[in-house]
Amino acid sequence: MKEVISESVITCPQCGTSKREVMPVDACQYFYDCTGCGAVLRPKPGDCCVFCSYGTVACPPVQIEGKGCCG
């Protein structure tokens, strides 16, 4: 079984604030509140979650299942 990375650094596209977060292992996270400016981040079109859109590491379901896992 492939080792799953459970942490990602998410960066707000509006203010540039970056923060290390623990990702949910069995689900995709659709919303994220920026701790810098308060913006509510949502996935970009074609991405399943905010970590796939704005994080340094794809979410665990994508790491395990591949792109489009949470469709």
PDB file of N, CA and C in Angstrom:
ATOM      1  N   MET A   1       0.848  -1.190   0.000  1.00  0.00           N
ATOM      2  CA  MET A   1       0.000   0.000   0.000  1.00  0.00           C
ATOM      3  C   MET A   1       0.887   1.246   0.000  1.00  0.00           C
ATOM      4  N   LYS A   2       0.474   2.222  -0.749  1.00  0.00           N
ATOM      5  CA  LYS A   2       1.207   3.473  -0.864  1.00  0.00           C
ATOM      6  C   LYS A   2       1.075   4.296   0.424  1.00  0.00           C
ATOM      7  N   GLU A   3       2.195   4.895   0.850  1.00  0.00           N
ATOM      8  CA  GLU A   3       2.163   5.749   2.040  1.00  0.00           C
ATOM      9  C   GLU A   3       1.438   7.044   1.704  1.00  0.00           C
ATOM     10  N   VAL A   4       0.488   7.418   2.541  1.00  0.00           N
ATOM     11  CA  VAL A   4      -0.320   8.614   2.325  1.00  0.00           C
ATOM     12  C   VAL A   4       0.235   9.751   3.165  1.00  0.00           C
ATOM     13  N   ILE A   5       0.427  10.891   2.529  1.00  0.00           N
ATOM     14  CA  ILE A   5       0.877  12.100   3.226  1.00  0.00           C
ATOM     15  C   ILE A   5      -0.372  12.783   3.768  1.00  0.00           C
ATOM     16  N   SER A   6      -0.391  13.076   5.064  1.00  0.00           N
ATOM     17  CA  SER A   6      -1.597  13.610   5.689  1.00  0.00           C
ATOM     18  C   SER A   6      -1.548  15.110   5.980  1.00  0.00           C
ATOM     19  N   GLU A   7      -0.423  15.755   5.692  1.00  0.00           N
ATOM     20  CA  GLU A   7      -0.319  17.198   5.915  1.00  0.00           C
ATOM     21  C   GLU A   7      -0.001  17.909   4.611  1.00  0.00           C
ATOM     22  N   SER A   8      -0.508  19.116   4.499  1.00  0.00           N
ATOM     23  CA  SER A   8      -0.282  19.940   3.316  1.00  0.00           C
ATOM     24  C   SER A   8      -0.202  21.396   3.770  1.00  0.00           C
ATOM     25  N   VAL A   9       0.572  22.196   3.066  1.00  0.00           N
ATOM     26  CA  VAL A   9       0.610  23.633   3.331  1.00  0.00           C
ATOM     27  C   VAL A   9      -0.335  24.284   2.331  1.00  0.00           C
ATOM     28  N   ILE A  10      -1.404  24.868   2.854  1.00  0.00           N
ATOM     29  CA  ILE A  10      -2.399  25.506   2.008  1.00  0.00           C
ATOM     30  C   ILE A  10      -2.103  27.004   1.966  1.00  0.00           C
ATOM     31  N   THR A  11      -2.156  27.583   0.766  1.00  0.00           N
ATOM     32  CA  THR A  11      -1.825  28.998   0.581  1.00  0.00           C
ATOM     33  C   THR A  11      -3.029  29.723  -0.016  1.00  0.00           C
ATOM     34  N   CYS A  12      -3.444  30.780   0.642  1.00  0.00           N
ATOM     35  CA  CYS A  12      -4.579  31.572   0.177  1.00  0.00           C
ATOM     36  C   CYS A  12      -4.186  32.342  -1.086  1.00  0.00           C
ATOM     37  N   PRO A  13      -4.969  32.221  -2.156  1.00  0.00           N
ATOM     38  CA  PRO A  13      -4.651  32.946  -3.387  1.00  0.00           C
ATOM     39  C   PRO A  13      -4.941  34.447  -3.289  1.00  0.00           C
ATOM     40  N   GLN A  14      -5.698  34.853  -2.274  1.00  0.00           N
ATOM     41  CA  GLN A  14      -6.053  36.258  -2.140  1.00  0.00           C
ATOM     42  C   GLN A  14      -5.021  37.065  -1.359  1.00  0.00           C
ATOM     43  N   CYS A  15      -4.525  36.490  -0.246  1.00  0.00           N
ATOM     44  CA  CYS A  15      -3.600  37.265   0.593  1.00  0.00           C
ATOM     45  C   CYS A  15      -2.219  36.624   0.724  1.00  0.00           C
ATOM     46  N   GLY A  16      -2.074  35.370   0.293  1.00  0.00           N
ATOM     47  CA  GLY A  16      -0.774  34.705   0.348  1.00  0.00           C
ATOM     48  C   GLY A  16      -0.442  34.038   1.676  1.00  0.00           C
ATOM     49  N   THR A  17      -1.368  34.066   2.634  1.00  0.00           N
ATOM     50  CA  THR A  17      -1.125  33.396   3.913  1.00  0.00           C
ATOM     51  C   THR A  17      -0.996  31.897   3.686  1.00  0.00           C
ATOM     52  N   SER A  18       0.036  31.298   4.267  1.00  0.00           N
ATOM     53  CA  SER A  18       0.250  29.854   4.170  1.00  0.00           C
ATOM     54  C   SER A  18       0.168  29.240   5.558  1.00  0.00           C
ATOM     55  N   LYS A  19      -0.438  28.044   5.630  1.00  0.00           N
ATOM     56  CA  LYS A  19      -0.559  27.369   6.910  1.00  0.00           C
ATOM     57  C   LYS A  19      -0.542  25.862   6.686  1.00  0.00           C
ATOM     58  N   ARG A  20       0.216  25.162   7.535  1.00  0.00           N
ATOM     59  CA  ARG A  20       0.258  23.698   7.488  1.00  0.00           C
ATOM     60  C   ARG A  20      -1.013  23.169   8.144  1.00  0.00           C
ATOM     61  N   GLU A  21      -1.695  22.279   7.441  1.00  0.00           N
ATOM     62  CA  GLU A  21      -2.949  21.707   7.943  1.00  0.00           C
ATOM     63  C   GLU A  21      -2.922  20.189   7.796  1.00  0.00           C
ATOM     64  N   VAL A  22      -3.631  19.523   8.672  1.00  0.00           N
ATOM     65  CA  VAL A  22      -3.832  18.079   8.566  1.00  0.00           C
ATOM     66  C   VAL A  22      -5.083  17.870   7.715  1.00  0.00           C
ATOM     67  N   MET A  23      -4.956  17.033   6.685  1.00  0.00           N
ATOM     68  CA  MET A  23      -6.071  16.789   5.777  1.00  0.00           C
ATOM     69  C   MET A  23      -6.931  15.632   6.273  1.00  0.00           C
ATOM     70  N   PRO A  24      -8.236  15.672   5.991  1.00  0.00           N
ATOM     71  CA  PRO A  24      -9.064  14.520   6.322  1.00  0.00           C
ATOM     72  C   PRO A  24      -8.612  13.320   5.488  1.00  0.00           C
ATOM     73  N   VAL A  25      -8.555  12.156   6.096  1.00  0.00           N
ATOM     74  CA  VAL A  25      -8.031  10.971   5.422  1.00  0.00           C
ATOM     75  C   VAL A  25      -9.073  10.318   4.515  1.00  0.00           C
ATOM     76  N   ASP A  26     -10.339  10.413   4.890  1.00  0.00           N
ATOM     77  CA  ASP A  26     -11.370   9.676   4.172  1.00  0.00           C
ATOM     78  C   ASP A  26     -12.399  10.553   3.466  1.00  0.00           C
ATOM     79  N   ALA A  27     -12.073  11.823   3.261  1.00  0.00           N
ATOM     80  CA  ALA A  27     -13.015  12.731   2.619  1.00  0.00           C
ATOM     81  C   ALA A  27     -12.262  13.900   1.987  1.00  0.00           C
ATOM     82  N   CYS A  28     -12.948  14.583   1.088  1.00  0.00           N
ATOM     83  CA  CYS A  28     -12.390  15.793   0.487  1.00  0.00           C
ATOM     84  C   CYS A  28     -12.959  17.003   1.225  1.00  0.00           C
ATOM     85  N   GLN A  29     -12.144  18.020   1.418  1.00  0.00           N
ATOM     86  CA  GLN A  29     -12.578  19.222   2.130  1.00  0.00           C
ATOM     87  C   GLN A  29     -12.921  20.294   1.094  1.00  0.00           C
ATOM     88  N   TYR A  30     -14.189  20.703   1.064  1.00  0.00           N
ATOM     89  CA  TYR A  30     -14.671  21.624   0.040  1.00  0.00           C
ATOM     90  C   TYR A  30     -14.490  23.090   0.402  1.00  0.00           C
ATOM     91  N   PHE A  31     -14.396  23.411   1.680  1.00  0.00           N
ATOM     92  CA  PHE A  31     -14.257  24.798   2.112  1.00  0.00           C
ATOM     93  C   PHE A  31     -13.094  24.930   3.082  1.00  0.00           C
ATOM     94  N   TYR A  32     -12.448  26.103   3.052  1.00  0.00           N
ATOM     95  CA  TYR A  32     -11.356  26.393   3.983  1.00  0.00           C
ATOM     96  C   TYR A  32     -11.389  27.883   4.283  1.00  0.00           C
ATOM     97  N   ASP A  33     -11.398  28.231   5.565  1.00  0.00           N
ATOM     98  CA  ASP A  33     -11.383  29.636   5.981  1.00  0.00           C
ATOM     99  C   ASP A  33      -9.944  30.086   6.160  1.00  0.00           C
ATOM    100  N   CYS A  34      -9.505  31.065   5.374  1.00  0.00           N
ATOM    101  CA  CYS A  34      -8.148  31.597   5.476  1.00  0.00           C
ATOM    102  C   CYS A  34      -7.969  32.276   6.827  1.00  0.00           C
ATOM    103  N   THR A  35      -6.880  31.942   7.507  1.00  0.00           N
ATOM    104  CA  THR A  35      -6.608  32.546   8.810  1.00  0.00           C
ATOM    105  C   THR A  35      -6.017  33.945   8.666  1.00  0.00           C
ATOM    106  N   GLY A  36      -5.618  34.322   7.459  1.00  0.00           N
ATOM    107  CA  GLY A  36      -5.042  35.649   7.231  1.00  0.00           C
ATOM    108  C   GLY A  36      -6.091  36.703   6.928  1.00  0.00           C
ATOM    109  N   CYS A  37      -6.902  36.444   5.877  1.00  0.00           N
ATOM    110  CA  CYS A  37      -7.860  37.458   5.435  1.00  0.00           C
ATOM    111  C   CYS A  37      -9.314  37.058   5.633  1.00  0.00           C
ATOM    112  N   GLY A  38      -9.547  35.808   6.035  1.00  0.00           N
ATOM    113  CA  GLY A  38     -10.909  35.359   6.280  1.00  0.00           C
ATOM    114  C   GLY A  38     -11.652  34.874   5.047  1.00  0.00           C
ATOM    115  N   ALA A  39     -10.995  34.861   3.898  1.00  0.00           N
ATOM    116  CA  ALA A  39     -11.648  34.388   2.674  1.00  0.00           C
ATOM    117  C   ALA A  39     -12.031  32.923   2.819  1.00  0.00           C
ATOM    118  N   VAL A  40     -13.155  32.560   2.239  1.00  0.00           N
ATOM    119  CA  VAL A  40     -13.572  31.167   2.220  1.00  0.00           C
ATOM    120  C   VAL A  40     -13.123  30.591   0.881  1.00  0.00           C
ATOM    121  N   LEU A  41     -12.155  29.673   0.942  1.00  0.00           N
ATOM    122  CA  LEU A  41     -11.632  29.063  -0.273  1.00  0.00           C
ATOM    123  C   LEU A  41     -12.508  27.888  -0.667  1.00  0.00           C
ATOM    124  N   ARG A  42     -12.699  27.741  -1.978  1.00  0.00           N
ATOM    125  CA  ARG A  42     -13.423  26.619  -2.559  1.00  0.00           C
ATOM    126  C   ARG A  42     -12.540  26.008  -3.633  1.00  0.00           C
ATOM    127  N   PRO A  43     -12.742  24.738  -3.956  1.00  0.00           N
ATOM    128  CA  PRO A  43     -11.904  24.111  -4.984  1.00  0.00           C
ATOM    129  C   PRO A  43     -12.036  24.812  -6.338  1.00  0.00           C
ATOM    130  N   LYS A  44     -10.941  24.813  -7.088  1.00  0.00           N
ATOM    131  CA  LYS A  44     -10.975  25.297  -8.467  1.00  0.00           C
ATOM    132  C   LYS A  44     -11.753  24.292  -9.310  1.00  0.00           C
ATOM    133  N   PRO A  45     -12.345  24.730 -10.427  1.00  0.00           N
ATOM    134  CA  PRO A  45     -13.060  23.784 -11.293  1.00  0.00           C
ATOM    135  C   PRO A  45     -12.154  22.609 -11.691  1.00  0.00           C
ATOM    136  N   GLY A  46     -12.661  21.409 -11.548  1.00  0.00           N
ATOM    137  CA  GLY A  46     -11.906  20.215 -11.882  1.00  0.00           C
ATOM    138  C   GLY A  46     -11.165  19.593 -10.711  1.00  0.00           C
ATOM    139  N   ASP A  47     -11.026  20.325  -9.601  1.00  0.00           N
ATOM    140  CA  ASP A  47     -10.380  19.791  -8.395  1.00  0.00           C
ATOM    141  C   ASP A  47     -11.453  19.329  -7.421  1.00  0.00           C
ATOM    142  N   CYS A  48     -11.121  18.315  -6.624  1.00  0.00           N
ATOM    143  CA  CYS A  48     -12.116  17.767  -5.696  1.00  0.00           C
ATOM    144  C   CYS A  48     -12.163  18.516  -4.377  1.00  0.00           C
ATOM    145  N   CYS A  49     -11.073  19.230  -4.019  1.00  0.00           N
ATOM    146  CA  CYS A  49     -11.058  19.879  -2.708  1.00  0.00           C
ATOM    147  C   CYS A  49     -10.065  21.041  -2.681  1.00  0.00           C
ATOM    148  N   VAL A  50     -10.076  21.776  -1.578  1.00  0.00           N
ATOM    149  CA  VAL A  50      -9.197  22.934  -1.449  1.00  0.00           C
ATOM    150  C   VAL A  50      -7.724  22.545  -1.373  1.00  0.00           C
ATOM    151  N   PHE A  51      -7.412  21.352  -0.864  1.00  0.00           N
ATOM    152  CA  PHE A  51      -6.015  20.926  -0.793  1.00  0.00           C
ATOM    153  C   PHE A  51      -5.464  20.634  -2.190  1.00  0.00           C
ATOM    154  N   CYS A  52      -6.313  20.075  -3.061  1.00  0.00           N
ATOM    155  CA  CYS A  52      -5.877  19.814  -4.434  1.00  0.00           C
ATOM    156  C   CYS A  52      -5.706  21.131  -5.206  1.00  0.00           C
ATOM    157  N   SER A  53      -6.457  22.150  -4.834  1.00  0.00           N
ATOM    158  CA  SER A  53      -6.366  23.446  -5.511  1.00  0.00           C
ATOM    159  C   SER A  53      -5.267  24.348  -4.950  1.00  0.00           C
ATOM    160  N   TYR A  54      -5.115  24.397  -3.642  1.00  0.00           N
ATOM    161  CA  TYR A  54      -4.246  25.393  -3.012  1.00  0.00           C
ATOM    162  C   TYR A  54      -3.162  24.817  -2.106  1.00  0.00           C
ATOM    163  N   GLY A  55      -3.097  23.496  -1.983  1.00  0.00           N
ATOM    164  CA  GLY A  55      -2.134  22.866  -1.091  1.00  0.00           C
ATOM    165  C   GLY A  55      -0.890  22.383  -1.808  1.00  0.00           C
ATOM    166  N   THR A  56       0.111  22.043  -1.024  1.00  0.00           N
ATOM    167  CA  THR A  56       1.361  21.521  -1.576  1.00  0.00           C
ATOM    168  C   THR A  56       1.279  20.035  -1.861  1.00  0.00           C
ATOM    169  N   VAL A  57       0.263  19.367  -1.305  1.00  0.00           N
ATOM    170  CA  VAL A  57       0.076  17.925  -1.479  1.00  0.00           C
ATOM    171  C   VAL A  57      -1.402  17.678  -1.771  1.00  0.00           C
ATOM    172  N   ALA A  58      -1.697  16.796  -2.716  1.00  0.00           N
ATOM    173  CA  ALA A  58      -3.087  16.432  -2.998  1.00  0.00           C
ATOM    174  C   ALA A  58      -3.689  15.722  -1.786  1.00  0.00           C
ATOM    175  N   CYS A  59      -4.998  15.785  -1.668  1.00  0.00           N
ATOM    176  CA  CYS A  59      -5.683  15.164  -0.530  1.00  0.00           C
ATOM    177  C   CYS A  59      -5.485  13.645  -0.531  1.00  0.00           C
ATOM    178  N   PRO A  60      -5.599  13.011   0.653  1.00  0.00           N
ATOM    179  CA  PRO A  60      -5.412  11.568   0.737  1.00  0.00           C
ATOM    180  C   PRO A  60      -6.290  10.739  -0.213  1.00  0.00           C
ATOM    181  N   PRO A  61      -7.588  11.056  -0.397  1.00  0.00           N
ATOM    182  CA  PRO A  61      -8.355  10.266  -1.360  1.00  0.00           C
ATOM    183  C   PRO A  61      -7.771  10.303  -2.776  1.00  0.00           C
ATOM    184  N   VAL A  62      -7.265  11.445  -3.204  1.00  0.00           N
ATOM    185  CA  VAL A  62      -6.636  11.530  -4.528  1.00  0.00           C
ATOM    186  C   VAL A  62      -5.327  10.770  -4.547  1.00  0.00           C
ATOM    187  N   GLN A  63      -4.567  10.849  -3.457  1.00  0.00           N
ATOM    188  CA  GLN A  63      -3.319  10.100  -3.382  1.00  0.00           C
ATOM    189  C   GLN A  63      -3.581   8.594  -3.513  1.00  0.00           C
ATOM    190  N   ILE A  64      -4.690   8.132  -2.942  1.00  0.00           N
ATOM    191  CA  ILE A  64      -5.023   6.708  -2.950  1.00  0.00           C
ATOM    192  C   ILE A  64      -5.743   6.296  -4.232  1.00  0.00           C
ATOM    193  N   GLU A  65      -6.803   7.039  -4.585  1.00  0.00           N
ATOM    194  CA  GLU A  65      -7.699   6.664  -5.682  1.00  0.00           C
ATOM    195  C   GLU A  65      -7.315   7.258  -7.029  1.00  0.00           C
ATOM    196  N   GLY A  66      -6.612   8.394  -7.003  1.00  0.00           N
ATOM    197  CA  GLY A  66      -6.293   9.088  -8.250  1.00  0.00           C
ATOM    198  C   GLY A  66      -7.215  10.265  -8.468  1.00  0.00           C
ATOM    199  N   LYS A  67      -6.889  11.065  -9.457  1.00  0.00           N
ATOM    200  CA  LYS A  67      -7.654  12.283  -9.777  1.00  0.00           C
ATOM    201  C   LYS A  67      -9.114  11.959 -10.020  1.00  0.00           C
ATOM    202  N   GLY A  68      -9.993  12.791  -9.494  1.00  0.00           N
ATOM    203  CA  GLY A  68     -11.418  12.616  -9.708  1.00  0.00           C
ATOM    204  C   GLY A  68     -12.077  11.623  -8.766  1.00  0.00           C
ATOM    205  N   CYS A  69     -11.404  11.283  -7.689  1.00  0.00           N
ATOM    206  CA  CYS A  69     -11.903  10.252  -6.771  1.00  0.00           C
ATOM    207  C   CYS A  69     -13.186  10.659  -6.068  1.00  0.00           C
ATOM    208  N   CYS A  70     -13.351  11.933  -5.815  1.00  0.00           N
ATOM    209  CA  CYS A  70     -14.449  12.373  -4.967  1.00  0.00           C
ATOM    210  C   CYS A  70     -15.612  12.943  -5.783  1.00  0.00           C
ATOM    211  N   GLY A  71     -15.459  12.918  -7.089  1.00  0.00           N
ATOM    212  CA  GLY A  71     -16.357  13.407  -8.085  1.00  0.00           C
ATOM    213  C   GLY A  71     -17.657  13.865  -7.745  1.00  0.00           C
TER     214      GLY A  71
END
